[in-house]
Amino acid sequence: MYNPLIGSLDKLKDSDVEVKITELIKRYNIAARSGNSCLCEQICAILNMYREEQSRRHDLAAKRIAKTKNSDLDDLINVE
């Protein structure tokens, strides 16, 4: 999902994404308590964008770790 008012999330640091998710959850709770369902839907859509970005970053990090683990084993196994 793309929102032109948000901009690119690729430029943000991991910590900035986490802070923004926390902030959006707080705002969602405030909107839900006040009974503003339209605002809740908008916040939820933006929150999903940030969570997808966070998930994408975690997946990339896991793939990088898996590559480094596999390459380290090559030096330990001597096949002659």
PDB file of N, CA and C in Angstrom:
ATOM      1  N   MET A   1       0.851  -1.165   0.000  1.00  0.00           N
ATOM      2  CA  MET A   1       0.000   0.000   0.000  1.00  0.00           C
ATOM      3  C   MET A   1       0.902   1.235   0.000  1.00  0.00           C
ATOM      4  N   TYR A   2       0.507   2.239  -0.746  1.00  0.00           N
ATOM      5  CA  TYR A   2       1.305   3.453  -0.866  1.00  0.00           C
ATOM      6  C   TYR A   2       0.454   4.655  -0.494  1.00  0.00           C
ATOM      7  N   ASN A   3       1.011   5.522   0.307  1.00  0.00           N
ATOM      8  CA  ASN A   3       0.342   6.759   0.683  1.00  0.00           C
ATOM      9  C   ASN A   3       1.261   7.910   0.296  1.00  0.00           C
ATOM     10  N   PRO A   4       0.828   8.800  -0.594  1.00  0.00           N
ATOM     11  CA  PRO A   4       1.709   9.876  -1.045  1.00  0.00           C
ATOM     12  C   PRO A   4       2.077  10.863   0.061  1.00  0.00           C
ATOM     13  N   LEU A   5       1.315  10.911   1.125  1.00  0.00           N
ATOM     14  CA  LEU A   5       1.617  11.823   2.217  1.00  0.00           C
ATOM     15  C   LEU A   5       2.693  11.289   3.151  1.00  0.00           C
ATOM     16  N   ILE A   6       2.956  10.000   3.091  1.00  0.00           N
ATOM     17  CA  ILE A   6       3.944   9.373   3.967  1.00  0.00           C
ATOM     18  C   ILE A   6       5.343   9.491   3.365  1.00  0.00           C
ATOM     19  N   GLY A   7       5.467   9.256   2.092  1.00  0.00           N
ATOM     20  CA  GLY A   7       6.785   9.274   1.466  1.00  0.00           C
ATOM     21  C   GLY A   7       7.440   7.911   1.522  1.00  0.00           C
ATOM     22  N   SER A   8       8.719   7.872   1.234  1.00  0.00           N
ATOM     23  CA  SER A   8       9.455   6.616   1.198  1.00  0.00           C
ATOM     24  C   SER A   8       9.901   6.218   2.602  1.00  0.00           C
ATOM     25  N   LEU A   9       9.614   4.986   2.962  1.00  0.00           N
ATOM     26  CA  LEU A   9      10.028   4.478   4.269  1.00  0.00           C
ATOM     27  C   LEU A   9      11.437   3.902   4.224  1.00  0.00           C
ATOM     28  N   ASP A  10      11.979   3.739   3.027  1.00  0.00           N
ATOM     29  CA  ASP A  10      13.328   3.186   2.883  1.00  0.00           C
ATOM     30  C   ASP A  10      14.389   4.091   3.484  1.00  0.00           C
ATOM     31  N   LYS A  11      14.115   5.381   3.528  1.00  0.00           N
ATOM     32  CA  LYS A  11      15.101   6.345   4.004  1.00  0.00           C
ATOM     33  C   LYS A  11      15.192   6.404   5.526  1.00  0.00           C
ATOM     34  N   LEU A  12      14.217   5.808   6.215  1.00  0.00           N
ATOM     35  CA  LEU A  12      14.195   5.848   7.671  1.00  0.00           C
ATOM     36  C   LEU A  12      15.107   4.784   8.271  1.00  0.00           C
ATOM     37  N   LYS A  13      15.621   5.064   9.441  1.00  0.00           N
ATOM     38  CA  LYS A  13      16.397   4.078  10.191  1.00  0.00           C
ATOM     39  C   LYS A  13      15.436   3.091  10.838  1.00  0.00           C
ATOM     40  N   ASP A  14      15.957   1.941  11.235  1.00  0.00           N
ATOM     41  CA  ASP A  14      15.135   0.928  11.904  1.00  0.00           C
ATOM     42  C   ASP A  14      14.511   1.483  13.182  1.00  0.00           C
ATOM     43  N   SER A  15      15.296   2.233  13.936  1.00  0.00           N
ATOM     44  CA  SER A  15      14.780   2.786  15.186  1.00  0.00           C
ATOM     45  C   SER A  15      13.674   3.806  14.930  1.00  0.00           C
ATOM     46  N   ASP A  16      13.791   4.557  13.838  1.00  0.00           N
ATOM     47  CA  ASP A  16      12.744   5.529  13.496  1.00  0.00           C
ATOM     48  C   ASP A  16      11.431   4.832  13.145  1.00  0.00           C
ATOM     49  N   VAL A  17      11.536   3.702  12.454  1.00  0.00           N
ATOM     50  CA  VAL A  17      10.334   2.935  12.105  1.00  0.00           C
ATOM     51  C   VAL A  17       9.671   2.415  13.373  1.00  0.00           C
ATOM     52  N   GLU A  18      10.451   1.906  14.307  1.00  0.00           N
ATOM     53  CA  GLU A  18       9.900   1.392  15.560  1.00  0.00           C
ATOM     54  C   GLU A  18       9.242   2.499  16.385  1.00  0.00           C
ATOM     55  N   VAL A  19       9.874   3.669  16.422  1.00  0.00           N
ATOM     56  CA  VAL A  19       9.305   4.803  17.156  1.00  0.00           C
ATOM     57  C   VAL A  19       7.991   5.227  16.525  1.00  0.00           C
ATOM     58  N   LYS A  20       7.938   5.249  15.210  1.00  0.00           N
ATOM     59  CA  LYS A  20       6.723   5.654  14.505  1.00  0.00           C
ATOM     60  C   LYS A  20       5.594   4.650  14.747  1.00  0.00           C
ATOM     61  N   ILE A  21       5.913   3.370  14.786  1.00  0.00           N
ATOM     62  CA  ILE A  21       4.898   2.345  15.062  1.00  0.00           C
ATOM     63  C   ILE A  21       4.327   2.552  16.460  1.00  0.00           C
ATOM     64  N   THR A  22       5.192   2.795  17.426  1.00  0.00           N
ATOM     65  CA  THR A  22       4.738   3.033  18.800  1.00  0.00           C
ATOM     66  C   THR A  22       3.852   4.271  18.872  1.00  0.00           C
ATOM     67  N   GLU A  23       4.255   5.315  18.187  1.00  0.00           N
ATOM     68  CA  GLU A  23       3.484   6.559  18.165  1.00  0.00           C
ATOM     69  C   GLU A  23       2.115   6.355  17.524  1.00  0.00           C
ATOM     70  N   LEU A  24       2.078   5.603  16.433  1.00  0.00           N
ATOM     71  CA  LEU A  24       0.801   5.348  15.759  1.00  0.00           C
ATOM     72  C   LEU A  24      -0.133   4.492  16.614  1.00  0.00           C
ATOM     73  N   ILE A  25       0.430   3.542  17.359  1.00  0.00           N
ATOM     74  CA  ILE A  25      -0.400   2.724  18.252  1.00  0.00           C
ATOM     75  C   ILE A  25      -1.025   3.592  19.331  1.00  0.00           C
ATOM     76  N   LYS A  26      -0.250   4.528  19.879  1.00  0.00           N
ATOM     77  CA  LYS A  26      -0.799   5.445  20.888  1.00  0.00           C
ATOM     78  C   LYS A  26      -1.916   6.298  20.301  1.00  0.00           C
ATOM     79  N   ARG A  27      -1.693   6.808  19.097  1.00  0.00           N
ATOM     80  CA  ARG A  27      -2.708   7.639  18.454  1.00  0.00           C
ATOM     81  C   ARG A  27      -3.956   6.839  18.112  1.00  0.00           C
ATOM     82  N   TYR A  28      -3.756   5.575  17.713  1.00  0.00           N
ATOM     83  CA  TYR A  28      -4.902   4.722  17.426  1.00  0.00           C
ATOM     84  C   TYR A  28      -5.740   4.513  18.684  1.00  0.00           C
ATOM     85  N   ASN A  29      -5.081   4.268  19.812  1.00  0.00           N
ATOM     86  CA  ASN A  29      -5.795   4.060  21.071  1.00  0.00           C
ATOM     87  C   ASN A  29      -6.585   5.303  21.474  1.00  0.00           C
ATOM     88  N   ILE A  30      -6.006   6.465  21.273  1.00  0.00           N
ATOM     89  CA  ILE A  30      -6.705   7.715  21.588  1.00  0.00           C
ATOM     90  C   ILE A  30      -7.929   7.873  20.686  1.00  0.00           C
ATOM     91  N   ALA A  31      -7.757   7.602  19.405  1.00  0.00           N
ATOM     92  CA  ALA A  31      -8.878   7.723  18.465  1.00  0.00           C
ATOM     93  C   ALA A  31      -9.967   6.699  18.768  1.00  0.00           C
ATOM     94  N   ALA A  32      -9.560   5.502  19.167  1.00  0.00           N
ATOM     95  CA  ALA A  32     -10.546   4.460  19.482  1.00  0.00           C
ATOM     96  C   ALA A  32     -11.342   4.820  20.741  1.00  0.00           C
ATOM     97  N   ARG A  33     -10.655   5.376  21.726  1.00  0.00           N
ATOM     98  CA  ARG A  33     -11.353   5.782  22.953  1.00  0.00           C
ATOM     99  C   ARG A  33     -12.330   6.918  22.694  1.00  0.00           C
ATOM    100  N   SER A  34     -11.992   7.787  21.755  1.00  0.00           N
ATOM    101  CA  SER A  34     -12.884   8.914  21.463  1.00  0.00           C
ATOM    102  C   SER A  34     -14.007   8.524  20.515  1.00  0.00           C
ATOM    103  N   GLY A  35     -13.960   7.317  19.968  1.00  0.00           N
ATOM    104  CA  GLY A  35     -15.036   6.826  19.107  1.00  0.00           C
ATOM    105  C   GLY A  35     -14.940   7.303  17.672  1.00  0.00           C
ATOM    106  N   ASN A  36     -13.769   7.723  17.252  1.00  0.00           N
ATOM    107  CA  ASN A  36     -13.585   8.227  15.894  1.00  0.00           C
ATOM    108  C   ASN A  36     -13.134   7.072  14.994  1.00  0.00           C
ATOM    109  N   SER A  37     -14.077   6.342  14.439  1.00  0.00           N
ATOM    110  CA  SER A  37     -13.758   5.146  13.661  1.00  0.00           C
ATOM    111  C   SER A  37     -13.093   5.477  12.325  1.00  0.00           C
ATOM    112  N   CYS A  38     -13.429   6.603  11.722  1.00  0.00           N
ATOM    113  CA  CYS A  38     -12.795   6.989  10.449  1.00  0.00           C
ATOM    114  C   CYS A  38     -11.300   7.229  10.648  1.00  0.00           C
ATOM    115  N   LEU A  39     -10.964   7.902  11.718  1.00  0.00           N
ATOM    116  CA  LEU A  39      -9.564   8.156  12.015  1.00  0.00           C
ATOM    117  C   LEU A  39      -8.838   6.853  12.361  1.00  0.00           C
ATOM    118  N   CYS A  40      -9.518   5.966  13.045  1.00  0.00           N
ATOM    119  CA  CYS A  40      -8.927   4.665  13.380  1.00  0.00           C
ATOM    120  C   CYS A  40      -8.559   3.891  12.116  1.00  0.00           C
ATOM    121  N   GLU A  41      -9.422   3.932  11.115  1.00  0.00           N
ATOM    122  CA  GLU A  41      -9.152   3.235   9.861  1.00  0.00           C
ATOM    123  C   GLU A  41      -7.935   3.826   9.157  1.00  0.00           C
ATOM    124  N   GLN A  42      -7.823   5.143   9.153  1.00  0.00           N
ATOM    125  CA  GLN A  42      -6.683   5.791   8.505  1.00  0.00           C
ATOM    126  C   GLN A  42      -5.385   5.481   9.231  1.00  0.00           C
ATOM    127  N   ILE A  43      -5.419   5.543  10.547  1.00  0.00           N
ATOM    128  CA  ILE A  43      -4.225   5.233  11.338  1.00  0.00           C
ATOM    129  C   ILE A  43      -3.839   3.771  11.139  1.00  0.00           C
ATOM    130  N   CYS A  44      -4.818   2.908  11.071  1.00  0.00           N
ATOM    131  CA  CYS A  44      -4.562   1.481  10.897  1.00  0.00           C
ATOM    132  C   CYS A  44      -3.883   1.211   9.544  1.00  0.00           C
ATOM    133  N   ALA A  45      -4.311   1.914   8.513  1.00  0.00           N
ATOM    134  CA  ALA A  45      -3.701   1.743   7.192  1.00  0.00           C
ATOM    135  C   ALA A  45      -2.243   2.185   7.208  1.00  0.00           C
ATOM    136  N   ILE A  46      -1.960   3.307   7.832  1.00  0.00           N
ATOM    137  CA  ILE A  46      -0.585   3.799   7.920  1.00  0.00           C
ATOM    138  C   ILE A  46       0.251   2.888   8.805  1.00  0.00           C
ATOM    139  N   LEU A  47      -0.338   2.420   9.892  1.00  0.00           N
ATOM    140  CA  LEU A  47       0.354   1.504  10.796  1.00  0.00           C
ATOM    141  C   LEU A  47       0.745   0.222  10.065  1.00  0.00           C
ATOM    142  N   ASN A  48      -0.136  -0.275   9.221  1.00  0.00           N
ATOM    143  CA  ASN A  48       0.172  -1.476   8.438  1.00  0.00           C
ATOM    144  C   ASN A  48       1.339  -1.239   7.494  1.00  0.00           C
ATOM    145  N   MET A  49       1.426  -0.030   6.925  1.00  0.00           N
ATOM    146  CA  MET A  49       2.558   0.297   6.050  1.00  0.00           C
ATOM    147  C   MET A  49       3.875   0.206   6.808  1.00  0.00           C
ATOM    148  N   TYR A  50       3.904   0.779   8.000  1.00  0.00           N
ATOM    149  CA  TYR A  50       5.128   0.750   8.800  1.00  0.00           C
ATOM    150  C   TYR A  50       5.451  -0.666   9.270  1.00  0.00           C
ATOM    151  N   ARG A  51       4.449  -1.441   9.613  1.00  0.00           N
ATOM    152  CA  ARG A  51       4.695  -2.827  10.049  1.00  0.00           C
ATOM    153  C   ARG A  51       5.207  -3.680   8.894  1.00  0.00           C
ATOM    154  N   GLU A  52       4.684  -3.455   7.685  1.00  0.00           N
ATOM    155  CA  GLU A  52       5.178  -4.188   6.517  1.00  0.00           C
ATOM    156  C   GLU A  52       6.640  -3.840   6.239  1.00  0.00           C
ATOM    157  N   GLU A  53       6.973  -2.567   6.386  1.00  0.00           N
ATOM    158  CA  GLU A  53       8.360  -2.145   6.195  1.00  0.00           C
ATOM    159  C   GLU A  53       9.265  -2.782   7.245  1.00  0.00           C
ATOM    160  N   GLN A  54       8.809  -2.817   8.486  1.00  0.00           N
ATOM    161  CA  GLN A  54       9.584  -3.441   9.554  1.00  0.00           C
ATOM    162  C   GLN A  54       9.771  -4.938   9.278  1.00  0.00           C
ATOM    163  N   SER A  55       8.731  -5.596   8.827  1.00  0.00           N
ATOM    164  CA  SER A  55       8.808  -7.013   8.508  1.00  0.00           C
ATOM    165  C   SER A  55       9.770  -7.263   7.345  1.00  0.00           C
ATOM    166  N   ARG A  56       9.713  -6.400   6.339  1.00  0.00           N
ATOM    167  CA  ARG A  56      10.606  -6.531   5.189  1.00  0.00           C
ATOM    168  C   ARG A  56      12.059  -6.393   5.632  1.00  0.00           C
ATOM    169  N   ARG A  57      12.324  -5.454   6.524  1.00  0.00           N
ATOM    170  CA  ARG A  57      13.685  -5.258   7.022  1.00  0.00           C
ATOM    171  C   ARG A  57      14.161  -6.442   7.851  1.00  0.00           C
ATOM    172  N   HIS A  58      13.267  -7.016   8.647  1.00  0.00           N
ATOM    173  CA  HIS A  58      13.642  -8.199   9.436  1.00  0.00           C
ATOM    174  C   HIS A  58      13.943  -9.384   8.524  1.00  0.00           C
ATOM    175  N   ASP A  59      13.168  -9.530   7.466  1.00  0.00           N
ATOM    176  CA  ASP A  59      13.412 -10.613   6.513  1.00  0.00           C
ATOM    177  C   ASP A  59      14.762 -10.457   5.826  1.00  0.00           C
ATOM    178  N   LEU A  60      15.087  -9.231   5.418  1.00  0.00           N
ATOM    179  CA  LEU A  60      16.382  -8.985   4.784  1.00  0.00           C
ATOM    180  C   LEU A  60      17.534  -9.276   5.744  1.00  0.00           C
ATOM    181  N   ALA A  61      17.373  -8.884   6.995  1.00  0.00           N
ATOM    182  CA  ALA A  61      18.410  -9.153   7.990  1.00  0.00           C
ATOM    183  C   ALA A  61      18.580 -10.653   8.213  1.00  0.00           C
ATOM    184  N   ALA A  62      17.479 -11.382   8.240  1.00  0.00           N
ATOM    185  CA  ALA A  62      17.549 -12.836   8.430  1.00  0.00           C
ATOM    186  C   ALA A  62      18.243 -13.502   7.250  1.00  0.00           C
ATOM    187  N   LYS A  63      17.981 -13.008   6.044  1.00  0.00           N
ATOM    188  CA  LYS A  63      18.639 -13.578   4.861  1.00  0.00           C
ATOM    189  C   LYS A  63      20.137 -13.300   4.891  1.00  0.00           C
ATOM    190  N   ARG A  64      20.522 -12.097   5.330  1.00  0.00           N
ATOM    191  CA  ARG A  64      21.946 -11.769   5.426  1.00  0.00           C
ATOM    192  C   ARG A  64      22.632 -12.658   6.451  1.00  0.00           C
ATOM    193  N   ILE A  65      21.974 -12.898   7.565  1.00  0.00           N
ATOM    194  CA  ILE A  65      22.552 -13.765   8.602  1.00  0.00           C
ATOM    195  C   ILE A  65      22.685 -15.192   8.090  1.00  0.00           C
ATOM    196  N   ALA A  66      21.678 -15.666   7.363  1.00  0.00           N
ATOM    197  CA  ALA A  66      21.731 -17.025   6.824  1.00  0.00           C
ATOM    198  C   ALA A  66      22.876 -17.171   5.830  1.00  0.00           C
ATOM    199  N   LYS A  67      23.123 -16.141   5.034  1.00  0.00           N
ATOM    200  CA  LYS A  67      24.230 -16.207   4.072  1.00  0.00           C
ATOM    201  C   LYS A  67      25.567 -16.254   4.785  1.00  0.00           C
ATOM    202  N   THR A  68      25.719 -15.475   5.828  1.00  0.00           N
ATOM    203  CA  THR A  68      27.003 -15.464   6.532  1.00  0.00           C
ATOM    204  C   THR A  68      27.229 -16.760   7.291  1.00  0.00           C
ATOM    205  N   LYS A  69      26.179 -17.351   7.800  1.00  0.00           N
ATOM    206  CA  LYS A  69      26.335 -18.630   8.501  1.00  0.00           C
ATOM    207  C   LYS A  69      26.767 -19.716   7.532  1.00  0.00           C
ATOM    208  N   ASN A  70      26.178 -19.752   6.358  1.00  0.00           N
ATOM    209  CA  ASN A  70      26.522 -20.784   5.385  1.00  0.00           C
ATOM    210  C   ASN A  70      27.934 -20.603   4.843  1.00  0.00           C
ATOM    211  N   SER A  71      28.374 -19.387   4.666  1.00  0.00           N
ATOM    212  CA  SER A  71      29.715 -19.178   4.128  1.00  0.00           C
ATOM    213  C   SER A  71      30.790 -19.508   5.161  1.00  0.00           C
ATOM    214  N   ASP A  72      30.496 -19.393   6.428  1.00  0.00           N
ATOM    215  CA  ASP A  72      31.467 -19.718   7.464  1.00  0.00           C
ATOM    216  C   ASP A  72      31.765 -21.210   7.516  1.00  0.00           C
ATOM    217  N   LEU A  73      30.808 -22.036   7.163  1.00  0.00           N
ATOM    218  CA  LEU A  73      30.993 -23.482   7.206  1.00  0.00           C
ATOM    219  C   LEU A  73      31.901 -23.978   6.098  1.00  0.00           C
ATOM    220  N   ASP A  74      32.027 -23.217   5.020  1.00  0.00           N
ATOM    221  CA  ASP A  74      32.872 -23.645   3.914  1.00  0.00           C
ATOM    222  C   ASP A  74      34.328 -23.806   4.344  1.00  0.00           C
ATOM    223  N   ASP A  75      34.791 -22.987   5.234  1.00  0.00           N
ATOM    224  CA  ASP A  75      36.176 -23.065   5.685  1.00  0.00           C
ATOM    225  C   ASP A  75      36.399 -24.248   6.642  1.00  0.00           C
ATOM    226  N   LEU A  76      35.352 -24.733   7.279  1.00  0.00           N
ATOM    227  CA  LEU A  76      35.503 -25.814   8.244  1.00  0.00           C
ATOM    228  C   LEU A  76      35.488 -27.197   7.591  1.00  0.00           C
ATOM    229  N   ILE A  77      34.902 -27.331   6.439  1.00  0.00           N
ATOM    230  CA  ILE A  77      34.780 -28.628   5.789  1.00  0.00           C
ATOM    231  C   ILE A  77      35.826 -28.726   4.676  1.00  0.00           C
ATOM    232  N   ASN A  78      36.726 -29.660   4.806  1.00  0.00           N
ATOM    233  CA  ASN A  78      37.765 -29.876   3.798  1.00  0.00           C
ATOM    234  C   ASN A  78      37.412 -31.104   2.977  1.00  0.00           C
ATOM    235  N   VAL A  79      37.112 -30.902   1.730  1.00  0.00           N
ATOM    236  CA  VAL A  79      36.804 -32.007   0.845  1.00  0.00           C
ATOM    237  C   VAL A  79      37.954 -32.106  -0.171  1.00  0.00           C
ATOM    238  N   GLU A  80      38.660 -33.225  -0.126  1.00  0.00           N
ATOM    239  CA  GLU A  80      39.803 -33.393  -1.020  1.00  0.00           C
ATOM    240  C   GLU A  80      39.664 -34.601  -1.875  1.00  0.00           C
TER     241      GLU A  80
END
